[in-house]
């Protein structure tokens, strides 16, 4: 048993190997390999392990098989709070706030990080469990990309569990030839760096939730360190009832892509960035921006090319101070027929000197500013 008086049991800035024992907290700024034992919460931070920016943490051994029982990492806040390199090969990690805060660099090949909630703790470990099911074929897959590749035209892919995709995992892609539906079924797909999903085909993302109607848990695609979804080339993307969140852009529409939002919540530094020469249609739902204080570069919707953004209903709202709800920055067109559009100490709609806006209805306001700030062409 190793403990510190009001601090961590072990603070390592060199090279350490732990094969067993009970340790009250570990702070690592060097290289630590843990193949056994239990790390309990530090008195200092409440974390099991804190791995600093200069640290390299290796949990288990890379030997082709993942052990779900040892080592054991427990935190009152985070099981592992990682800012450095973290290779996860064996063990179980528990945290009351999160099992893991930060990114995982590498995991055992062929495995995925599985998340559960047990006795008030978020628990993560490695396993090979089905993640997706082709409904028509009644076939389950442990690899979502494989399920997408095998899906035939019109097929629905059901998500079977929460899943975390690490930094070394390639972006999930729907190719040009595909015309498929992904039903999140109330589960969460998470990534923490580069784009999670890239669509080049025809893709509907929907969510039928879990359980009875009154107690459904709705699904989510989230990227805590980048863009959630890109719609590239001539891709056609439709969102029905799903939640899309990102620290960067929720949905980036590029090239000649088309996006339709019927219902759901899209949130990001920019909720939607339309860099396409084609159209984004909002029929309902909420499009929100979540940037920092006094951030005029962001917006709930950015129209950054010559494309069209058509709003027929829904809520478009900026949440960062000094940012508009809709920013028309190039030669594109904004058409508003209905809906609620609200800026944050900025205009509801900011139309640049080359842009066109056409307002036929809706409620447009600038919280502490103009409803519409127009430097281009406006028809109201």
Protein backbone atom coordinates (compact mmCIF):
# COMPACT_ATOMS: atom_id res chain seq x y z
CA UNK A 1 0.00 0.00 0.00
CA UNK A 2 1.41 3.35 -1.07
CA UNK A 3 -0.12 6.67 -0.06
CA UNK A 4 0.90 10.30 0.31
CA UNK A 5 -0.01 12.82 2.99
CA UNK A 6 -2.56 15.00 1.20
CA UNK A 7 -1.01 14.19 -2.17
CA UNK A 8 -0.50 11.30 -4.59
CA UNK A 9 0.82 7.91 -3.60
CA UNK A 10 3.32 8.10 -6.48
CA UNK A 11 4.58 11.07 -8.47
CA UNK A 12 6.70 9.85 -11.39
CA UNK A 13 8.88 11.99 -13.67
CA UNK A 14 11.18 9.13 -14.67
CA UNK A 15 10.40 5.56 -15.75
CA UNK A 16 8.19 3.40 -13.55
CA UNK A 17 6.62 -0.05 -13.86
CA UNK A 18 3.77 -1.06 -11.55
CA UNK A 19 2.83 -4.75 -11.45
CA UNK A 20 0.65 -4.83 -8.33
CA UNK A 21 -0.30 -3.26 -5.02
CA UNK A 22 -2.72 -0.59 -3.88
CA UNK A 23 -1.71 2.99 -4.66
CA UNK A 24 -3.55 6.09 -3.50
CA UNK A 25 -3.27 8.23 -6.63
CA UNK A 26 -0.62 8.53 -9.35
CA UNK A 27 0.74 11.69 -11.00
CA UNK A 28 2.78 10.91 -14.12
CA UNK A 29 4.98 13.30 -16.08
CA UNK A 30 7.43 10.60 -17.16
CA UNK A 31 6.74 7.09 -18.47
CA UNK A 32 4.63 4.74 -16.38
CA UNK A 33 3.60 1.20 -17.31
CA UNK A 34 0.90 -0.46 -15.18
CA UNK A 35 0.19 -4.17 -15.63
CA UNK A 36 -1.49 -4.94 -12.31
CA UNK A 37 -2.74 -3.58 -9.01
CA UNK A 38 -5.29 -0.95 -8.04
CA UNK A 39 -4.98 2.84 -8.26
CA UNK A 40 -7.55 4.52 -6.00
CA UNK A 41 -8.48 8.21 -5.93
CA UNK A 42 -5.74 10.69 -5.01
CA UNK A 43 -6.41 12.82 -1.93
CA UNK A 44 -5.02 15.73 -3.94
CA UNK A 45 -7.11 15.70 -7.14
CA UNK A 46 -9.78 13.04 -6.73
CA UNK A 47 -8.42 11.33 -9.85
CA UNK A 48 -7.02 7.82 -9.95
CA UNK A 49 -4.27 8.85 -12.37
CA UNK A 50 -3.28 12.27 -13.69
CA UNK A 51 -1.11 11.99 -16.82
CA UNK A 52 0.47 15.35 -17.66
CA UNK A 53 1.21 16.77 -21.12
CA UNK A 54 4.75 15.36 -20.99
CA UNK A 55 3.64 11.99 -19.64
CA UNK A 56 3.34 8.60 -21.33
CA UNK A 57 0.96 6.20 -19.60
CA UNK A 58 0.71 2.54 -20.66
CA UNK A 59 -2.09 0.50 -19.11
CA UNK A 60 -1.52 -3.22 -19.65
CA UNK A 61 0.44 -5.05 -22.33
CA UNK A 62 -0.13 -5.04 -26.08
CA UNK A 63 -0.33 -8.78 -26.66
CA UNK A 64 -3.47 -9.27 -28.79
CA UNK A 65 -5.80 -9.90 -25.84
CA UNK A 66 -7.47 -7.38 -23.53
CA UNK A 67 -7.87 -8.21 -19.83
CA UNK A 68 -11.00 -6.52 -18.42
CA UNK A 69 -10.20 -7.17 -14.75
CA UNK A 70 -6.68 -5.90 -14.09
CA UNK A 71 -5.27 -3.33 -13.53
CA UNK A 72 -8.07 -1.36 -11.80
CA UNK A 73 -8.14 2.45 -11.90
CA UNK A 74 -10.72 4.33 -9.79
CA UNK A 75 -11.35 8.06 -9.45
CA UNK A 76 -13.81 10.14 -7.46
CA UNK A 77 -13.69 12.60 -10.37
CA UNK A 78 -11.83 11.02 -13.31
CA UNK A 79 -10.39 7.53 -13.36
CA UNK A 80 -7.68 8.86 -15.68
CA UNK A 81 -7.21 12.56 -16.44
CA UNK A 82 -4.99 12.52 -19.53
CA UNK A 83 -3.18 15.37 -21.27
CA UNK A 84 -0.32 13.31 -22.72
CA UNK A 85 0.08 9.92 -24.42
CA UNK A 86 -2.18 7.17 -23.12
CA UNK A 87 -2.06 3.61 -24.50
CA UNK A 88 -4.90 1.45 -23.18
CA UNK A 89 -4.39 -2.33 -23.59
CA UNK A 90 -5.78 -3.92 -20.41
CA UNK A 91 -7.77 -3.12 -17.30
CA UNK A 92 -10.91 -1.39 -16.11
CA UNK A 93 -11.24 2.35 -15.46
CA UNK A 94 -13.92 3.94 -13.26
CA UNK A 95 -14.76 7.57 -12.56
CA UNK A 96 -17.74 9.33 -11.00
CA UNK A 97 -17.53 12.23 -13.49
CA UNK A 98 -15.89 10.34 -16.36
CA UNK A 99 -13.81 7.20 -16.58
CA UNK A 100 -11.39 8.97 -18.93
CA UNK A 101 -10.90 12.70 -19.43
CA UNK A 102 -8.85 13.45 -22.55
CA UNK A 103 -7.95 11.24 -25.48
CA UNK A 104 -6.74 7.66 -25.78
CA UNK A 105 -3.76 7.31 -28.11
CA UNK A 106 -3.83 3.58 -28.82
CA UNK A 107 -5.81 0.49 -27.83
CA UNK A 108 -5.43 -3.25 -28.36
CA UNK A 109 -5.94 -3.99 -32.05
CA UNK A 110 -9.41 -5.31 -32.91
CA UNK A 111 -10.96 -4.04 -29.66
CA UNK A 112 -13.10 -1.02 -28.79
CA UNK A 113 -13.61 1.03 -25.67
CA UNK A 114 -16.87 -0.05 -24.04
CA UNK A 115 -18.70 2.34 -21.71
CA UNK A 116 -21.15 1.38 -18.96
CA UNK A 117 -22.61 3.01 -15.85
CA UNK A 118 -22.25 0.85 -12.74
CA UNK A 119 -23.08 1.92 -9.16
CA UNK A 120 -22.72 5.62 -9.94
CA UNK A 121 -19.44 5.26 -11.84
CA UNK A 122 -18.78 5.59 -15.55
CA UNK A 123 -16.83 2.45 -16.40
CA UNK A 124 -14.66 1.83 -19.46
CA UNK A 125 -12.86 -1.29 -20.60
CA UNK A 126 -11.86 -3.00 -23.87
CA UNK A 127 -13.97 -5.67 -25.52
CA UNK A 128 -15.23 -6.99 -28.84
CA UNK A 129 -18.98 -6.39 -28.81
CA UNK A 130 -21.39 -5.84 -31.70
CA UNK A 131 -21.79 -2.13 -32.45
CA UNK A 132 -24.18 -2.24 -35.41
CA UNK A 133 -26.84 -4.38 -37.01
CA UNK A 134 -28.07 -4.54 -40.60
CA UNK A 135 -31.82 -4.79 -40.08
CA UNK A 136 -32.77 -6.44 -43.38
CA UNK A 137 -30.04 -9.06 -43.09
CA UNK A 138 -30.40 -9.41 -39.28
CA UNK A 139 -26.61 -9.42 -39.10
CA UNK A 140 -24.49 -7.87 -36.34
CA UNK A 141 -21.05 -6.28 -36.73
CA UNK A 142 -18.28 -5.35 -34.31
CA UNK A 143 -17.03 -2.75 -36.85
CA UNK A 144 -19.36 0.08 -37.92
CA UNK A 145 -17.40 0.72 -41.12
CA UNK A 146 -17.82 -2.91 -42.13
CA UNK A 147 -21.58 -2.67 -41.55
CA UNK A 148 -21.73 0.46 -43.75
CA UNK A 149 -19.69 -1.22 -46.47
CA UNK A 150 -22.01 -4.27 -46.48
CA UNK A 151 -25.26 -2.28 -46.44
CA UNK A 152 -27.38 -2.43 -49.58
CA UNK A 153 -29.43 0.42 -51.02
CA UNK A 154 -32.17 1.50 -48.65
CA UNK A 155 -30.84 -0.59 -45.77
CA UNK A 156 -31.09 0.60 -42.15
CA UNK A 157 -28.15 0.19 -39.79
CA UNK A 158 -29.11 0.12 -36.11
CA UNK A 159 -26.54 1.17 -33.51
CA UNK A 160 -26.42 -1.36 -30.66
CA UNK A 161 -24.38 0.43 -27.97
CA UNK A 162 -22.40 3.53 -27.02
CA UNK A 163 -18.99 3.62 -28.71
CA UNK A 164 -15.82 5.72 -28.43
CA UNK A 165 -13.54 6.04 -31.47
CA UNK A 166 -9.93 6.85 -30.56
CA UNK A 167 -7.54 9.19 -32.37
CA UNK A 168 -5.85 6.44 -34.39
CA UNK A 169 -9.18 5.19 -35.80
CA UNK A 170 -9.93 6.26 -39.36
CA UNK A 171 -12.93 8.52 -39.98
CA UNK A 172 -16.10 6.52 -40.65
CA UNK A 173 -17.11 7.02 -44.29
CA UNK A 174 -20.25 6.54 -46.36
CA UNK A 175 -19.11 6.22 -49.97
CA UNK A 176 -20.67 7.79 -53.09
CA UNK A 177 -22.50 4.60 -54.03
CA UNK A 178 -24.34 4.23 -50.73
CA UNK A 179 -27.97 5.11 -49.93
CA UNK A 180 -28.51 4.09 -46.32
CA UNK A 181 -30.09 4.98 -42.97
CA UNK A 182 -28.27 4.99 -39.62
CA UNK A 183 -30.59 4.72 -36.61
CA UNK A 184 -28.75 5.72 -33.43
CA UNK A 185 -31.34 3.90 -31.26
CA UNK A 186 -30.61 6.20 -28.32
CA UNK A 187 -26.87 5.47 -28.23
CA UNK A 188 -23.89 7.84 -28.38
CA UNK A 189 -21.01 7.70 -30.87
CA UNK A 190 -18.05 9.72 -29.57
CA UNK A 191 -14.71 10.91 -30.90
CA UNK A 192 -12.25 13.47 -29.56
CA UNK A 193 -10.20 14.68 -32.52
CA UNK A 194 -10.58 14.48 -36.33
CA UNK A 195 -13.95 14.16 -38.09
CA UNK A 196 -16.12 11.31 -36.80
CA UNK A 197 -18.27 10.70 -39.91
CA UNK A 198 -17.76 11.69 -43.56
CA UNK A 199 -20.67 11.28 -45.97
CA UNK A 200 -20.25 11.20 -49.75
CA UNK A 201 -23.40 9.20 -50.52
CA UNK A 202 -27.05 9.49 -49.52
CA UNK A 203 -27.37 9.19 -45.77
CA UNK A 204 -30.23 9.65 -43.33
CA UNK A 205 -29.33 9.82 -39.64
CA UNK A 206 -32.30 9.28 -37.38
CA UNK A 207 -32.95 8.25 -33.83
CA UNK A 208 -35.84 6.08 -32.69
CA UNK A 209 -34.60 6.17 -29.08
CA UNK A 210 -34.73 3.49 -26.42
CA UNK A 211 -37.72 2.16 -24.51
CA UNK A 212 -41.28 3.42 -24.40
CA UNK A 213 -42.14 6.79 -25.90
CA UNK A 214 -42.33 8.58 -22.55
CA UNK A 215 -38.88 7.42 -21.43
CA UNK A 216 -36.85 7.43 -24.63
CA UNK A 217 -33.19 8.30 -24.47
CA UNK A 218 -32.18 9.98 -27.69
CA UNK A 219 -28.93 9.27 -29.48
CA UNK A 220 -26.02 11.49 -30.29
CA UNK A 221 -23.00 11.85 -32.56
CA UNK A 222 -20.40 13.96 -30.75
CA UNK A 223 -16.84 15.08 -31.30
CA UNK A 224 -15.24 16.78 -28.32
CA UNK A 225 -12.11 17.73 -30.28
CA UNK A 226 -13.17 18.43 -33.87
CA UNK A 227 -15.98 18.26 -36.45
CA UNK A 228 -18.79 15.76 -35.96
CA UNK A 229 -19.94 15.25 -39.59
CA UNK A 230 -18.65 16.35 -42.97
CA UNK A 231 -20.88 16.11 -46.03
CA UNK A 232 -18.56 16.09 -49.04
CA UNK A 233 -18.62 15.91 -52.83
CA UNK A 234 -22.27 15.46 -53.91
CA UNK A 235 -23.37 13.88 -50.63
CA UNK A 236 -26.98 14.13 -49.49
CA UNK A 237 -27.43 14.21 -45.72
CA UNK A 238 -30.74 14.22 -43.82
CA UNK A 239 -31.06 14.54 -40.03
CA UNK A 240 -34.20 13.34 -38.24
CA UNK A 241 -34.43 13.61 -34.47
CA UNK A 242 -30.72 13.10 -33.75
CA UNK A 243 -28.35 15.22 -31.66
CA UNK A 244 -25.08 16.31 -33.28
CA UNK A 245 -22.50 18.11 -31.10
CA UNK A 246 -18.92 19.23 -31.72
CA UNK A 247 -16.25 21.47 -30.28
CA UNK A 248 -15.61 22.67 -33.85
CA UNK A 249 -18.33 22.41 -36.51
CA UNK A 250 -21.40 20.26 -35.95
CA UNK A 251 -22.02 19.66 -39.67
CA UNK A 252 -19.67 20.91 -42.42
CA UNK A 253 -21.34 20.87 -45.85
CA UNK A 254 -18.82 21.09 -48.70
CA UNK A 255 -18.46 20.89 -52.50
CA UNK A 256 -21.93 20.26 -53.97
CA UNK A 257 -23.38 18.59 -50.89
CA UNK A 258 -26.96 19.02 -49.70
CA UNK A 259 -28.14 18.91 -46.07
CA UNK A 260 -31.70 18.78 -44.68
CA UNK A 261 -32.47 19.12 -40.98
CA UNK A 262 -36.03 18.02 -40.16
CA UNK A 263 -35.74 17.55 -36.41
CA UNK A 264 -32.96 17.37 -33.82
CA UNK A 265 -30.28 19.54 -32.26
CA UNK A 266 -27.06 20.59 -34.02
CA UNK A 267 -24.51 22.28 -31.76
CA UNK A 268 -20.93 23.40 -32.31
CA UNK A 269 -18.55 26.33 -32.40
CA UNK A 270 -20.43 26.63 -35.68
CA UNK A 271 -23.58 24.53 -35.70
CA UNK A 272 -23.57 24.26 -39.51
CA UNK A 273 -21.02 25.64 -41.97
CA UNK A 274 -22.34 25.60 -45.54
CA UNK A 275 -19.28 25.83 -47.78
CA UNK A 276 -21.20 24.09 -50.58
CA UNK A 277 -22.55 25.66 -53.75
CA UNK A 278 -25.78 23.80 -53.02
CA UNK A 279 -28.41 24.03 -50.29
CA UNK A 280 -28.91 23.56 -46.56
CA UNK A 281 -32.60 23.28 -45.62
CA UNK A 282 -33.81 23.70 -42.03
CA UNK A 283 -37.37 22.39 -41.57
CA UNK A 284 -37.23 22.18 -37.77
CA UNK A 285 -35.04 21.46 -34.78
CA UNK A 286 -32.43 23.66 -33.11
CA UNK A 287 -29.14 24.91 -34.57
CA UNK A 288 -26.91 26.39 -31.86
CA UNK A 289 -23.41 27.84 -31.46
CA UNK A 290 -21.42 27.36 -28.25
CA UNK A 291 -18.22 29.40 -28.63
CA UNK A 292 -16.43 31.50 -26.06
CA UNK A 293 -17.09 34.98 -24.73
CA UNK A 294 -16.87 37.82 -27.27
CA UNK A 295 -16.40 35.50 -30.24
CA UNK A 296 -17.57 37.18 -33.44
CA UNK A 297 -16.05 34.48 -35.68
CA UNK A 298 -18.62 31.87 -34.84
CA UNK A 299 -22.32 31.56 -35.65
CA UNK A 300 -25.05 28.97 -35.38
CA UNK A 301 -25.11 28.85 -39.19
CA UNK A 302 -22.36 30.13 -41.49
CA UNK A 303 -22.98 30.38 -45.23
CA UNK A 304 -19.41 30.69 -46.46
CA UNK A 305 -19.75 30.06 -50.21
CA UNK A 306 -22.30 30.66 -52.96
CA UNK A 307 -24.84 28.16 -51.64
CA UNK A 308 -28.32 28.65 -50.20
CA UNK A 309 -29.53 28.30 -46.62
CA UNK A 310 -33.31 27.95 -46.49
CA UNK A 311 -35.04 28.14 -43.11
CA UNK A 312 -38.65 26.96 -43.03
CA UNK A 313 -38.90 26.50 -39.25
CA UNK A 314 -36.86 25.77 -36.15
CA UNK A 315 -34.66 27.67 -33.72
CA UNK A 316 -31.37 29.24 -34.80
CA UNK A 317 -29.50 30.72 -31.85
CA UNK A 318 -26.02 32.04 -31.04
CA UNK A 319 -24.87 31.49 -27.47
CA UNK A 320 -21.46 33.20 -27.49
CA UNK A 321 -21.34 36.94 -26.90
CA UNK A 322 -20.98 39.14 -30.01
CA UNK A 323 -21.82 36.38 -32.47
CA UNK A 324 -24.72 36.40 -34.96
CA UNK A 325 -27.13 33.50 -35.31
CA UNK A 326 -26.64 33.42 -39.11
CA UNK A 327 -23.59 34.81 -40.90
CA UNK A 328 -23.79 35.12 -44.71
CA UNK A 329 -20.14 35.72 -45.58
CA UNK A 330 -19.83 35.30 -49.33
CA UNK A 331 -22.10 35.41 -52.38
CA UNK A 332 -24.66 32.99 -51.00
CA UNK A 333 -28.34 33.42 -50.26
CA UNK A 334 -30.30 33.17 -47.00
CA UNK A 335 -34.05 32.49 -47.29
CA UNK A 336 -36.19 32.69 -44.15
CA UNK A 337 -39.85 31.62 -44.25
CA UNK A 338 -40.42 30.85 -40.57
CA UNK A 339 -38.57 30.05 -37.35
CA UNK A 340 -36.88 31.91 -34.52
CA UNK A 341 -33.45 33.44 -35.16
CA UNK A 342 -31.56 35.09 -32.28
CA UNK A 343 -28.08 36.61 -32.11
CA UNK A 344 -26.03 37.07 -28.93
CA UNK A 345 -25.10 40.75 -28.43
CA UNK A 346 -25.03 40.71 -32.21
CA UNK A 347 -27.50 40.58 -35.07
CA UNK A 348 -29.85 37.71 -35.74
CA UNK A 349 -28.66 37.74 -39.38
CA UNK A 350 -25.42 39.35 -40.55
CA UNK A 351 -25.39 39.71 -44.35
CA UNK A 352 -22.05 40.60 -45.95
CA UNK A 353 -21.65 43.02 -48.84
CA UNK A 354 -21.85 40.25 -51.48
CA UNK A 355 -24.68 38.27 -49.90
CA UNK A 356 -28.42 38.09 -50.54
CA UNK A 357 -31.13 37.64 -47.90
CA UNK A 358 -34.84 37.10 -48.49
CA UNK A 359 -37.17 37.27 -45.47
CA UNK A 360 -40.76 36.05 -45.86
CA UNK A 361 -41.57 35.34 -42.21
CA UNK A 362 -40.21 34.26 -38.86
CA UNK A 363 -38.99 36.01 -35.71
CA UNK A 364 -35.53 37.57 -36.06
CA UNK A 365 -33.82 39.42 -33.22
CA UNK A 366 -30.40 40.52 -32.09
CA UNK A 367 -29.99 40.28 -28.35
CA UNK A 368 -28.57 43.72 -27.57
CA UNK A 369 -28.06 44.46 -31.26
CA UNK A 370 -29.81 44.70 -34.65
CA UNK A 371 -32.20 42.02 -35.79
CA UNK A 372 -30.63 42.16 -39.25
CA UNK A 373 -27.31 43.76 -40.17
CA UNK A 374 -27.25 44.11 -43.95
CA UNK A 375 -24.38 45.21 -46.20
CA UNK A 376 -25.58 43.32 -49.28
CA UNK A 377 -28.99 42.82 -50.87
CA UNK A 378 -32.07 42.34 -48.70
CA UNK A 379 -35.70 41.66 -49.55
CA UNK A 380 -38.11 41.70 -46.63
